[in-house]
Amino acid sequence: MGMTAFSRKIGFGLMLVAAGMLAPCAARAIRFDFAPAAEALAPPVDKEKSDVRALGPLIERRISVDGSAVQSALPRPLWTRYEVPGKKLIYNDFLWPLAFSRSRPDGDYQYVVLFLHSSEPGLDNKRMWLLPILFYGHQAPRNKAYFALFPVGGRMGDWLGFDTVDFVLFPIWVRSRKSDMETTTWLWPIFSHTKGERVEKRRVFPFYGMTQDAREKRSFYVWPFGYGIDQFKDAKGREGHGWFVLPFYGQYKRTDADGKVLHSAWTCLWPFFSGESGPERDRLYAPWPFYRHDTGDAPEYAGGEKIDKLNLWPVYGRETKEKRRSGYTLWPFWQWGEAESEDMTKSFTTLVPFWWSASSRKGEAELMAFRELWPLWRLEREDGRSRASVLSLWPQRRAECIQRNYAPLWTLYTRDTDPAGIRHDVFWGLAKWHRTAASGDTRRASLFPVFEYESRPLAPTVDGKAEGWSFDLVKGLVGWGRDGDRRRLRLLWIPLDAGAAGK
């Protein structure tokens, strides 16, 4: 019992010390270095505040180079905070992904395990959900309230892409609305009817279902085996008909007013053998997934570009479009791609899972570059800044939550380069070397607790000396240096005035 009480006191004391380190630094810049136990260093961008770090990567407050963002942890990964005051962004994570909150100009939301709360002031949207049981909120544009207790009954707003979902003793009766379409279902998903301005759907699942609009009618019979399609005549007299009995055989043909075939498709032993042909596109699977050849115009959902695609899976594959190229060798290991736009070229190369590379360029200028040799090394360059780190255990570039909450726990070395200077950091500050251009080419090097060295420019003195430097052993047990024309001496951590240099 006594040991438990003592442990609680120790833990509470550590939290108080950490909070005390973070709070006073906001008022004035301080500098002390006992890393990785604790350190507070004044960043070059803001002399009134300090970057703070304690207990290795667990406690932190770091200001971005341009001063626009502040990242805090107390302790990581229990709680982290990322704030950009100029953009009114605040992200809080609590043992992410178990709990987190996001505050943006367009709204706020909070999530705790299965509890979700959000608000969008400009749209009067509010939600308070305890998934998957309780749903309560207000929905724009009329700020109309909704409530549901699953599976008893009620209404849910903005659920799974639907505007509203009403239900009574789910799955007995369900009604959903999305834009102008309304679907009523009995004994979900068996009996349903959908009605909209331009489409109608009926379904007795899995025996029969049909979807009809102004252009065509699609049906299924004993899903997923039988399908039919009838495309009605358009203004030019074109129409299409098809049927499929999967997995055995199916066919589709589209003809013009004179009966000439414009487009045809077929499948046999689906999905292994299939093809389609027409004036705009030809495609063949023989058999899927090992061989595919695709030429012509891609469908509208794929961008509608000209396409030339060949797959000899998993040995080799390539795809060429008007402004995009990609391919692979020994899928999924070696993959590459390139995409061009009016003002930018993006490219990537991967050797799964060991090598990841991505870049974007505007002409000859590099906008962004990313390299990762998993799980050893990672490099990111963007907007004149770069960071190299060792180790890199997460094989994905765009993972801000991982980088904010967990990556510092396994990062043993970092090198940061930006217009303010360059900083090397080993074992969370145990050893480091900094060169700060913003402070007039100030250099610092240390290996805790063995030595600490610093050189800094000063205003020129009478004898022309414009540099100050210091060298300390064991945090000042013995130290010496120079401040312009004055020599500096420290013994047993006591500073002594050694007089003017050269005397």
Protein backbone atom coordinates (compact mmCIF):
# COMPACT_ATOMS: atom_id res chain seq x y z
CA MET A 1 0.00 0.00 0.00
CA GLY A 2 2.84 2.32 0.88
CA MET A 3 4.62 1.58 -2.40
CA THR A 4 1.43 2.29 -4.34
CA ALA A 5 1.01 5.66 -2.62
CA PHE A 6 4.66 6.47 -3.25
CA SER A 7 4.30 5.60 -6.97
CA ARG A 8 1.29 7.86 -7.26
CA LYS A 9 3.19 10.73 -5.67
CA ILE A 10 6.12 10.22 -8.02
CA GLY A 11 3.84 10.15 -11.06
CA PHE A 12 1.96 13.23 -9.92
CA GLY A 13 5.23 15.01 -9.25
CA LEU A 14 6.50 14.26 -12.75
CA MET A 15 3.32 15.67 -14.27
CA LEU A 16 3.68 18.85 -12.21
CA VAL A 17 7.31 19.24 -13.26
CA ALA A 18 6.42 18.75 -16.92
CA ALA A 19 3.53 21.20 -16.72
CA GLY A 20 5.78 23.71 -14.99
CA MET A 21 8.36 23.36 -17.76
CA LEU A 22 5.81 23.93 -20.49
CA ALA A 23 3.91 26.84 -18.97
CA PRO A 24 6.67 29.31 -17.96
CA CYS A 25 8.38 28.99 -21.31
CA ALA A 26 5.49 30.81 -22.95
CA ALA A 27 6.36 33.93 -21.01
CA ARG A 28 10.10 34.14 -21.68
CA ALA A 29 12.81 32.25 -23.49
CA ILE A 30 14.95 29.96 -21.36
CA ARG A 31 17.77 27.62 -22.21
CA PHE A 32 19.01 24.60 -20.33
CA ASP A 33 20.20 21.27 -21.65
CA PHE A 34 20.03 18.02 -19.72
CA ALA A 35 18.69 15.98 -22.66
CA PRO A 36 17.36 13.40 -22.93
CA ALA A 37 16.09 14.02 -19.38
CA ALA A 38 15.00 17.62 -20.08
CA GLU A 39 15.91 20.56 -22.30
CA ALA A 40 14.54 23.97 -23.22
CA LEU A 41 16.09 25.74 -26.20
CA ALA A 42 15.08 29.08 -27.68
CA PRO A 43 14.24 28.57 -31.39
CA PRO A 44 15.61 31.17 -33.81
CA VAL A 45 12.17 32.24 -35.01
CA ASP A 46 10.77 33.35 -31.63
CA LYS A 47 13.13 34.40 -28.83
CA GLU A 48 10.22 34.83 -26.40
CA LYS A 49 9.35 31.11 -26.38
CA SER A 50 11.31 27.89 -26.09
CA ASP A 51 11.24 24.44 -27.61
CA VAL A 52 10.82 22.07 -24.67
CA ARG A 53 11.51 18.35 -24.45
CA ALA A 54 11.68 16.00 -21.46
CA LEU A 55 11.91 12.27 -20.76
CA GLY A 56 13.19 11.60 -24.26
CA PRO A 57 10.29 11.82 -26.73
CA LEU A 58 7.50 11.67 -24.13
CA ILE A 59 7.09 15.37 -23.26
CA GLU A 60 7.50 18.04 -25.90
CA ARG A 61 6.58 21.49 -27.08
CA ARG A 62 8.02 22.38 -30.46
CA ILE A 63 7.51 25.56 -32.49
CA SER A 64 7.70 25.33 -36.27
CA VAL A 65 10.53 27.15 -38.04
CA ASP A 66 8.26 29.90 -39.33
CA GLY A 67 6.49 30.21 -35.98
CA SER A 68 3.08 29.38 -37.44
CA ALA A 69 2.48 26.06 -35.64
CA VAL A 70 3.03 24.60 -32.17
CA GLN A 71 3.15 20.88 -31.39
CA SER A 72 2.90 19.62 -27.80
CA ALA A 73 2.91 16.25 -26.05
CA LEU A 74 2.31 15.51 -22.35
CA PRO A 75 3.17 12.67 -22.35
CA ARG A 76 3.25 11.06 -25.80
CA PRO A 77 1.20 9.11 -26.85
CA LEU A 78 -1.26 9.78 -24.02
CA TRP A 79 -1.92 13.31 -25.29
CA THR A 80 -0.60 15.35 -28.21
CA ARG A 81 -1.75 18.72 -29.54
CA TYR A 82 -1.08 20.44 -32.86
CA GLU A 83 -2.12 24.08 -33.25
CA VAL A 84 -1.93 26.59 -36.10
CA PRO A 85 -3.36 29.81 -34.60
CA GLY A 86 -3.31 31.74 -37.86
CA LYS A 87 -5.58 29.16 -39.52
CA LYS A 88 -7.64 28.43 -36.38
CA LEU A 89 -6.65 24.75 -36.45
CA ILE A 90 -6.38 22.72 -33.24
CA TYR A 91 -5.87 18.94 -33.26
CA ASN A 92 -5.88 16.98 -30.00
CA ASP A 93 -5.14 13.25 -29.83
CA PHE A 94 -5.62 11.05 -26.77
CA LEU A 95 -4.08 7.61 -27.26
CA TRP A 96 -4.93 8.01 -30.93
CA PRO A 97 -7.01 6.49 -32.52
CA LEU A 98 -9.03 5.78 -29.38
CA ALA A 99 -9.91 9.45 -28.83
CA PHE A 100 -9.27 12.70 -30.71
CA SER A 101 -10.76 16.12 -31.41
CA ARG A 102 -10.45 18.47 -34.37
CA SER A 103 -11.24 22.18 -34.46
CA ARG A 104 -11.34 23.97 -37.81
CA PRO A 105 -12.95 27.16 -39.11
CA ASP A 106 -15.68 25.09 -40.78
CA GLY A 107 -16.55 23.11 -37.64
CA ASP A 108 -15.47 20.93 -34.73
CA TYR A 109 -15.74 17.25 -33.94
CA GLN A 110 -14.70 14.92 -31.13
CA TYR A 111 -14.42 11.15 -31.10
CA VAL A 112 -13.95 8.90 -28.05
CA VAL A 113 -13.91 5.19 -28.95
CA LEU A 114 -17.55 4.85 -30.13
CA PHE A 115 -18.74 8.34 -29.14
CA LEU A 116 -18.74 11.06 -31.81
CA HIS A 117 -19.60 14.74 -31.41
CA SER A 118 -19.32 17.34 -34.17
CA SER A 119 -20.61 20.78 -35.09
CA GLU A 120 -20.53 22.96 -38.20
CA PRO A 121 -21.58 26.46 -37.11
CA GLY A 122 -21.96 27.83 -40.63
CA LEU A 123 -24.34 25.02 -41.61
CA ASP A 124 -26.07 24.47 -38.23
CA ASN A 125 -25.03 20.80 -38.40
CA LYS A 126 -24.53 19.10 -35.03
CA ARG A 127 -24.04 15.44 -34.14
CA MET A 128 -23.79 13.47 -30.92
CA TRP A 129 -23.59 9.76 -31.61
CA LEU A 130 -22.81 6.72 -29.48
CA LEU A 131 -22.13 4.17 -32.21
CA PRO A 132 -24.00 2.07 -33.12
CA ILE A 133 -26.78 2.66 -30.58
CA LEU A 134 -27.64 6.33 -30.08
CA PHE A 135 -27.91 9.05 -32.74
CA TYR A 136 -28.83 12.66 -31.96
CA GLY A 137 -28.21 15.88 -33.85
CA HIS A 138 -29.41 18.89 -35.82
CA GLN A 139 -29.28 18.95 -39.60
CA ALA A 140 -28.94 21.84 -42.05
CA PRO A 141 -30.42 23.76 -43.72
CA ARG A 142 -33.39 24.13 -41.34
CA ASN A 143 -31.56 23.05 -38.17
CA LYS A 144 -34.06 20.20 -37.83
CA ALA A 145 -33.42 17.83 -34.92
CA TYR A 146 -33.21 14.05 -35.30
CA PHE A 147 -32.96 11.17 -32.82
CA ALA A 148 -32.59 7.40 -33.17
CA LEU A 149 -32.15 4.47 -30.78
CA PHE A 150 -30.90 1.49 -32.73
CA PRO A 151 -32.52 -0.94 -33.48
CA VAL A 152 -35.77 0.34 -31.89
CA GLY A 153 -36.42 3.27 -34.22
CA GLY A 154 -35.92 6.90 -35.10
CA ARG A 155 -34.12 9.03 -37.66
CA MET A 156 -30.41 9.36 -38.43
CA GLY A 157 -28.98 12.29 -40.38
CA ASP A 158 -26.02 12.22 -42.77
CA TRP A 159 -25.54 8.48 -42.32
CA LEU A 160 -23.53 6.35 -44.80
CA GLY A 161 -23.98 8.88 -47.60
CA PHE A 162 -27.75 9.29 -47.11
CA ASP A 163 -29.33 12.59 -46.12
CA THR A 164 -31.68 10.84 -43.67
CA VAL A 165 -32.42 7.27 -42.62
CA ASP A 166 -35.68 6.44 -40.79
CA PHE A 167 -36.29 2.99 -39.31
CA VAL A 168 -38.67 1.08 -37.04
CA LEU A 169 -37.49 -2.14 -35.39
CA PHE A 170 -34.63 -2.52 -37.86
CA PRO A 171 -34.57 -4.50 -40.16
CA ILE A 172 -38.38 -4.61 -40.33
CA TRP A 173 -38.86 -1.17 -41.93
CA VAL A 174 -36.30 1.34 -43.26
CA ARG A 175 -36.70 4.50 -45.36
CA SER A 176 -33.72 6.46 -46.67
CA ARG A 177 -33.46 9.69 -48.62
CA LYS A 178 -30.63 11.00 -50.76
CA SER A 179 -31.22 14.13 -52.82
CA ASP A 180 -34.44 13.46 -54.80
CA MET A 181 -34.37 9.68 -54.28
CA GLU A 182 -36.37 7.87 -51.59
CA THR A 183 -35.99 4.17 -50.79
CA THR A 184 -38.43 2.17 -48.66
CA THR A 185 -37.36 -1.30 -47.48
CA TRP A 186 -39.25 -4.02 -45.65
CA LEU A 187 -37.28 -6.78 -43.99
CA TRP A 188 -34.03 -5.16 -45.10
CA PRO A 189 -32.52 -5.94 -47.56
CA ILE A 190 -35.23 -8.18 -49.06
CA PHE A 191 -38.12 -5.97 -50.23
CA SER A 192 -37.30 -2.44 -51.41
CA HIS A 193 -38.60 0.26 -53.73
CA THR A 194 -36.68 3.38 -54.80
CA LYS A 195 -38.31 6.34 -56.52
CA GLY A 196 -36.64 9.49 -57.85
CA GLU A 197 -37.21 12.13 -60.50
CA ARG A 198 -35.17 10.17 -63.10
CA VAL A 199 -34.82 6.64 -61.74
CA GLU A 200 -36.88 3.82 -60.22
CA LYS A 201 -35.65 0.64 -58.52
CA ARG A 202 -37.49 -2.47 -57.30
CA ARG A 203 -35.96 -5.40 -55.47
CA VAL A 204 -36.93 -8.75 -53.96
CA PHE A 205 -33.46 -9.75 -52.91
CA PRO A 206 -31.85 -12.06 -53.97
CA PHE A 207 -34.49 -13.30 -56.44
CA TYR A 208 -35.19 -10.29 -58.60
CA GLY A 209 -34.29 -6.63 -58.94
CA MET A 210 -34.46 -3.92 -61.58
CA THR A 211 -33.20 -0.35 -62.08
CA GLN A 212 -34.75 1.83 -64.77
CA ASP A 213 -34.16 5.38 -65.95
CA ALA A 214 -34.72 7.28 -69.17
CA ARG A 215 -31.83 5.52 -70.96
CA GLU A 216 -31.84 1.88 -69.85
CA LYS A 217 -33.21 -0.91 -67.70
CA ARG A 218 -30.95 -3.24 -65.73
CA SER A 219 -32.19 -6.40 -63.98
CA PHE A 220 -30.80 -9.26 -61.92
CA TYR A 221 -32.26 -12.73 -61.37
CA VAL A 222 -31.20 -14.93 -58.45
CA TRP A 223 -28.31 -12.63 -57.59
CA PRO A 224 -25.42 -12.89 -58.38
CA PHE A 225 -26.01 -15.32 -61.26
CA GLY A 226 -28.35 -13.76 -63.82
CA TYR A 227 -28.25 -10.22 -65.27
CA GLY A 228 -30.00 -8.42 -68.10
CA ILE A 229 -29.59 -4.98 -69.69
CA ASP A 230 -31.81 -3.17 -72.18
CA GLN A 231 -30.69 0.23 -73.43
CA PHE A 232 -33.52 2.19 -75.03
CA LYS A 233 -33.22 3.88 -78.40
CA ASP A 234 -31.68 7.32 -78.26
CA ALA A 235 -32.20 10.24 -80.66
CA LYS A 236 -29.86 8.59 -83.20
CA GLY A 237 -31.62 5.22 -83.06
CA ARG A 238 -28.87 3.47 -81.10
CA GLU A 239 -29.87 0.73 -78.64
CA GLY A 240 -28.24 -2.08 -76.68
CA HIS A 241 -29.19 -5.46 -75.20
CA GLY A 242 -27.32 -8.00 -73.11
CA TRP A 243 -27.66 -10.94 -70.76
CA PHE A 244 -25.30 -12.78 -68.44
CA VAL A 245 -25.57 -16.13 -66.66
CA LEU A 246 -22.58 -16.07 -64.37
CA PRO A 247 -20.12 -17.63 -64.24
CA PHE A 248 -20.85 -19.49 -67.49
CA TYR A 249 -21.50 -17.03 -70.28
CA GLY A 250 -22.78 -13.56 -71.10
CA GLN A 251 -22.88 -11.07 -73.97
CA TYR A 252 -23.85 -7.49 -74.79
CA LYS A 253 -24.27 -5.63 -78.08
CA ARG A 254 -25.01 -2.02 -78.93
CA THR A 255 -26.20 -1.24 -82.46
CA ASP A 256 -27.01 1.81 -84.57
CA ALA A 257 -30.25 2.54 -86.41
CA ASP A 258 -29.20 0.23 -89.26
CA GLY A 259 -28.37 -2.69 -86.97
CA LYS A 260 -24.61 -2.28 -87.25
CA VAL A 261 -22.75 -3.35 -84.10
CA LEU A 262 -21.09 -0.36 -82.44
CA HIS A 263 -19.88 -2.05 -79.28
CA SER A 264 -19.88 -5.60 -77.97
CA ALA A 265 -18.79 -7.40 -74.82
CA TRP A 266 -18.69 -11.03 -73.69
CA THR A 267 -17.59 -13.21 -70.78
CA CYS A 268 -17.04 -16.95 -70.39
CA LEU A 269 -16.28 -18.58 -67.07
CA TRP A 270 -16.34 -15.16 -65.46
CA PRO A 271 -14.12 -13.54 -64.24
CA PHE A 272 -11.37 -15.47 -66.02
CA PHE A 273 -12.22 -14.80 -69.68
CA SER A 274 -13.91 -11.66 -70.98
CA GLY A 275 -13.52 -8.97 -73.58
CA GLU A 276 -15.09 -6.03 -75.31
CA SER A 277 -14.56 -4.32 -78.64
CA GLY A 278 -15.72 -1.22 -80.44
CA PRO A 279 -14.48 1.82 -82.33
CA GLU A 280 -13.44 3.52 -79.10
CA ARG A 281 -12.10 0.66 -76.97
CA ASP A 282 -10.80 -2.91 -77.07
CA ARG A 283 -10.15 -5.02 -74.00
CA LEU A 284 -9.29 -8.68 -73.37
CA TYR A 285 -8.82 -10.79 -70.24
CA ALA A 286 -7.41 -14.22 -71.10
CA PRO A 287 -7.34 -15.35 -68.36
CA TRP A 288 -7.88 -12.85 -65.55
CA PRO A 289 -5.82 -11.75 -63.66
CA PHE A 290 -2.78 -13.00 -65.58
CA TYR A 291 -3.31 -11.36 -68.96
CA ARG A 292 -5.04 -8.09 -69.81
CA HIS A 293 -4.70 -5.86 -72.85
CA ASP A 294 -6.69 -2.63 -73.00
CA THR A 295 -6.55 0.06 -75.70
CA GLY A 296 -8.71 3.00 -76.71
CA ASP A 297 -10.74 5.46 -74.65
CA ALA A 298 -11.07 4.74 -70.94
CA PRO A 299 -14.61 4.97 -69.48
CA GLU A 300 -15.76 8.32 -68.16
CA TYR A 301 -15.42 7.10 -64.54
CA ALA A 302 -11.71 6.41 -65.27
CA GLY A 303 -11.05 9.85 -66.73
CA GLY A 304 -12.03 9.23 -70.35
CA GLU A 305 -8.41 9.47 -71.54
CA LYS A 306 -6.75 7.43 -74.26
CA ILE A 307 -5.34 4.29 -72.68
CA ASP A 308 -2.85 1.59 -73.60
CA LYS A 309 -2.59 -1.05 -70.87
CA LEU A 310 -0.85 -4.42 -70.80
CA ASN A 311 -0.73 -6.77 -67.81
CA LEU A 312 1.28 -9.98 -67.65
CA TRP A 313 0.54 -10.36 -63.97
CA PRO A 314 2.47 -10.64 -61.70
CA VAL A 315 5.62 -10.43 -63.86
CA TYR A 316 5.12 -7.19 -65.79
CA GLY A 317 2.55 -4.49 -66.39
CA ARG A 318 2.34 -1.02 -67.89
CA GLU A 319 -0.34 1.61 -68.42
CA THR A 320 -0.05 4.72 -70.58
CA LYS A 321 -2.61 7.50 -70.71
CA GLU A 322 -2.44 10.95 -72.25
CA LYS A 323 -0.68 12.52 -69.25
CA ARG A 324 -0.07 9.54 -66.96
CA ARG A 325 2.23 6.53 -67.07
CA SER A 326 2.63 3.71 -64.60
CA GLY A 327 3.85 0.15 -64.41
CA TYR A 328 5.15 -2.70 -62.28
CA THR A 329 7.62 -5.57 -62.32
CA LEU A 330 7.04 -8.56 -60.06
CA TRP A 331 3.90 -7.05 -58.55
CA PRO A 332 3.47 -5.83 -55.84
CA PHE A 333 7.17 -5.27 -55.22
CA TRP A 334 8.42 -2.86 -57.91
CA GLN A 335 5.93 -0.17 -58.97
CA TRP A 336 6.37 3.23 -60.58
CA GLY A 337 4.25 6.04 -61.98
CA GLU A 338 4.27 9.57 -63.36
CA ALA A 339 1.49 12.10 -63.88
CA GLU A 340 1.69 15.47 -65.63
CA SER A 341 -0.55 18.50 -65.33
CA GLU A 342 -0.34 22.01 -66.70
CA ASP A 343 2.02 23.23 -63.97
CA MET A 344 3.30 20.13 -62.16
CA THR A 345 4.83 16.69 -62.64
CA LYS A 346 4.38 14.02 -59.96
CA SER A 347 6.22 10.70 -59.84
CA PHE A 348 6.63 7.76 -57.48
CA THR A 349 8.68 4.56 -57.23
CA THR A 350 8.25 1.77 -54.69
CA LEU A 351 10.00 -1.49 -53.90
CA VAL A 352 7.53 -2.89 -51.37
CA PRO A 353 8.08 -2.80 -48.47
CA PHE A 354 11.65 -1.49 -48.40
CA TRP A 355 11.87 1.55 -50.71
CA TRP A 356 9.35 4.38 -51.16
CA SER A 357 9.98 7.45 -53.27
CA ALA A 358 7.72 10.31 -54.40
CA SER A 359 8.35 13.77 -55.81
CA SER A 360 6.62 16.69 -57.50
CA ARG A 361 8.26 19.29 -59.71
CA LYS A 362 7.34 22.50 -61.47
CA GLY A 363 9.67 22.73 -64.41
CA GLU A 364 13.15 22.22 -62.97
CA ALA A 365 12.14 23.37 -59.48
CA GLU A 366 11.49 20.70 -56.88
CA LEU A 367 8.30 21.24 -54.90
CA MET A 368 8.34 18.10 -52.77
CA ALA A 369 10.47 14.98 -52.36
CA PHE A 370 10.03 11.93 -50.15
CA ARG A 371 12.37 8.97 -49.72
CA GLU A 372 12.13 6.07 -47.30
CA LEU A 373 14.32 3.02 -46.79
CA TRP A 374 12.04 1.06 -44.50
CA PRO A 375 12.48 0.57 -41.57
CA LEU A 376 15.82 2.40 -41.31
CA TRP A 377 15.69 5.88 -42.86
CA ARG A 378 13.27 8.56 -44.04
CA LEU A 379 13.75 11.89 -45.86
CA GLU A 380 11.17 14.61 -46.56
CA ARG A 381 11.79 17.88 -48.44
CA GLU A 382 9.20 20.57 -49.05
CA ASP A 383 9.07 24.39 -49.16
CA GLY A 384 12.80 24.79 -48.58
CA ARG A 385 12.81 22.52 -45.52
CA SER A 386 13.97 18.94 -45.10
CA ARG A 387 14.02 16.30 -42.38
CA ALA A 388 15.96 13.03 -42.35
CA SER A 389 15.25 10.52 -39.60
CA VAL A 390 16.38 7.11 -38.32
CA LEU A 391 14.45 4.81 -37.64
CA SER A 392 11.27 4.90 -39.75
CA LEU A 393 8.93 2.07 -38.79
CA TRP A 394 5.75 3.30 -40.52
CA PRO A 395 5.90 2.62 -44.31
CA GLN A 396 3.58 5.40 -45.43
CA ARG A 397 4.18 9.06 -46.23
CA ARG A 398 0.89 10.78 -45.49
CA ALA A 399 0.33 9.64 -41.90
CA GLU A 400 0.36 12.83 -39.83
CA CYS A 401 -1.27 11.16 -36.82
CA ILE A 402 1.43 8.47 -36.73
CA GLN A 403 4.20 11.05 -37.13
CA ARG A 404 2.73 13.21 -34.39
CA ASN A 405 1.83 10.53 -31.83
CA TYR A 406 4.15 7.57 -32.30
CA ALA A 407 7.06 8.22 -34.67
CA PRO A 408 9.10 10.24 -32.10
CA LEU A 409 9.11 7.16 -29.83
CA TRP A 410 11.22 5.18 -32.32
CA THR A 411 13.13 8.02 -34.03
CA LEU A 412 16.73 7.76 -32.83
CA TYR A 413 18.29 10.41 -35.09
CA THR A 414 16.99 13.47 -36.93
CA ARG A 415 18.56 16.05 -39.22
CA ASP A 416 16.48 19.17 -39.87
CA THR A 417 17.49 21.68 -42.54
CA ASP A 418 15.69 24.96 -43.24
CA PRO A 419 16.48 28.63 -43.88
CA ALA A 420 17.15 29.06 -40.14
CA GLY A 421 19.96 26.49 -40.11
CA ILE A 422 20.68 22.80 -39.62
CA ARG A 423 20.14 20.61 -36.56
CA HIS A 424 21.41 17.08 -35.85
CA ASP A 425 19.85 15.23 -32.92
CA VAL A 426 20.76 11.74 -31.60
CA PHE A 427 18.83 9.81 -28.94
CA TRP A 428 16.40 12.68 -28.20
CA GLY A 429 19.17 15.20 -27.52
CA LEU A 430 21.77 13.00 -25.83
CA ALA A 431 24.12 14.14 -28.61
CA LYS A 432 23.43 17.02 -30.95
CA TRP A 433 24.99 19.55 -33.27
CA HIS A 434 23.15 22.73 -34.31
CA ARG A 435 24.15 25.48 -36.71
CA THR A 436 21.77 28.45 -36.68
CA ALA A 437 22.07 30.97 -39.49
CA ALA A 438 19.33 33.20 -38.04
CA SER A 439 21.52 33.86 -35.00
CA GLY A 440 24.53 34.87 -37.08
CA ASP A 441 26.01 31.42 -37.67
CA THR A 442 25.83 30.17 -34.10
CA ARG A 443 27.10 26.61 -33.62
CA ARG A 444 26.43 24.25 -30.75
CA ALA A 445 27.60 20.70 -30.12
CA SER A 446 27.08 18.54 -27.05
CA LEU A 447 27.25 15.00 -25.70
CA PHE A 448 25.42 14.83 -22.39
CA PRO A 449 26.91 14.97 -19.79
CA VAL A 450 30.46 14.78 -21.19
CA PHE A 451 30.94 18.08 -23.01
CA GLU A 452 29.19 21.09 -24.50
CA TYR A 453 30.63 23.51 -27.06
CA GLU A 454 29.20 26.72 -28.48
CA SER A 455 30.52 29.40 -30.82
CA ARG A 456 28.68 32.57 -31.69
CA PRO A 457 29.42 35.81 -33.50
CA LEU A 458 29.73 39.03 -31.52
CA ALA A 459 30.10 42.68 -32.36
CA PRO A 460 33.76 43.41 -33.31
CA THR A 461 35.91 44.39 -30.32
CA VAL A 462 38.92 46.67 -30.05
CA ASP A 463 41.32 43.96 -31.21
CA GLY A 464 38.99 42.94 -34.03
CA LYS A 465 37.77 39.72 -32.39
CA ALA A 466 34.14 39.15 -33.31
CA GLU A 467 33.56 35.64 -32.02
CA GLY A 468 32.62 34.17 -28.70
CA TRP A 469 32.98 30.53 -27.79
CA SER A 470 32.76 28.24 -24.79
CA PHE A 471 33.67 24.66 -23.97
CA ASP A 472 32.42 22.89 -20.83
CA LEU A 473 33.07 19.45 -19.37
CA VAL A 474 30.44 17.74 -17.21
CA LYS A 475 28.02 20.67 -17.49
CA GLY A 476 30.57 23.19 -16.20
CA LEU A 477 32.72 21.18 -13.81
CA VAL A 478 35.54 22.61 -15.89
CA GLY A 479 35.02 25.13 -18.67
CA TRP A 480 36.75 27.84 -20.60
CA GLY A 481 36.03 30.14 -23.52
CA ARG A 482 36.04 33.67 -24.82
CA ASP A 483 33.51 36.49 -25.23
CA GLY A 484 35.12 38.91 -27.63
CA ASP A 485 38.15 40.34 -25.81
CA ARG A 486 37.27 38.69 -22.47
CA ARG A 487 38.37 35.22 -21.50
CA ARG A 488 35.96 32.94 -19.66
CA LEU A 489 36.75 30.28 -17.06
CA ARG A 490 34.52 27.95 -15.04
CA LEU A 491 35.65 25.68 -12.23
CA LEU A 492 33.44 23.45 -10.09
CA TRP A 493 30.47 25.00 -11.92
CA ILE A 494 31.46 28.48 -10.65
CA PRO A 495 32.10 31.13 -13.37
CA LEU A 496 35.35 33.04 -13.01
CA ASP A 497 36.54 36.15 -14.82
CA ALA A 498 39.92 35.30 -16.38
CA GLY A 499 40.50 38.85 -17.56
CA ALA A 500 41.10 40.31 -20.99
CA ALA A 501 42.42 37.99 -23.67
CA GLY A 502 46.13 38.34 -24.39
CA LYS A 503 46.99 39.63 -20.86
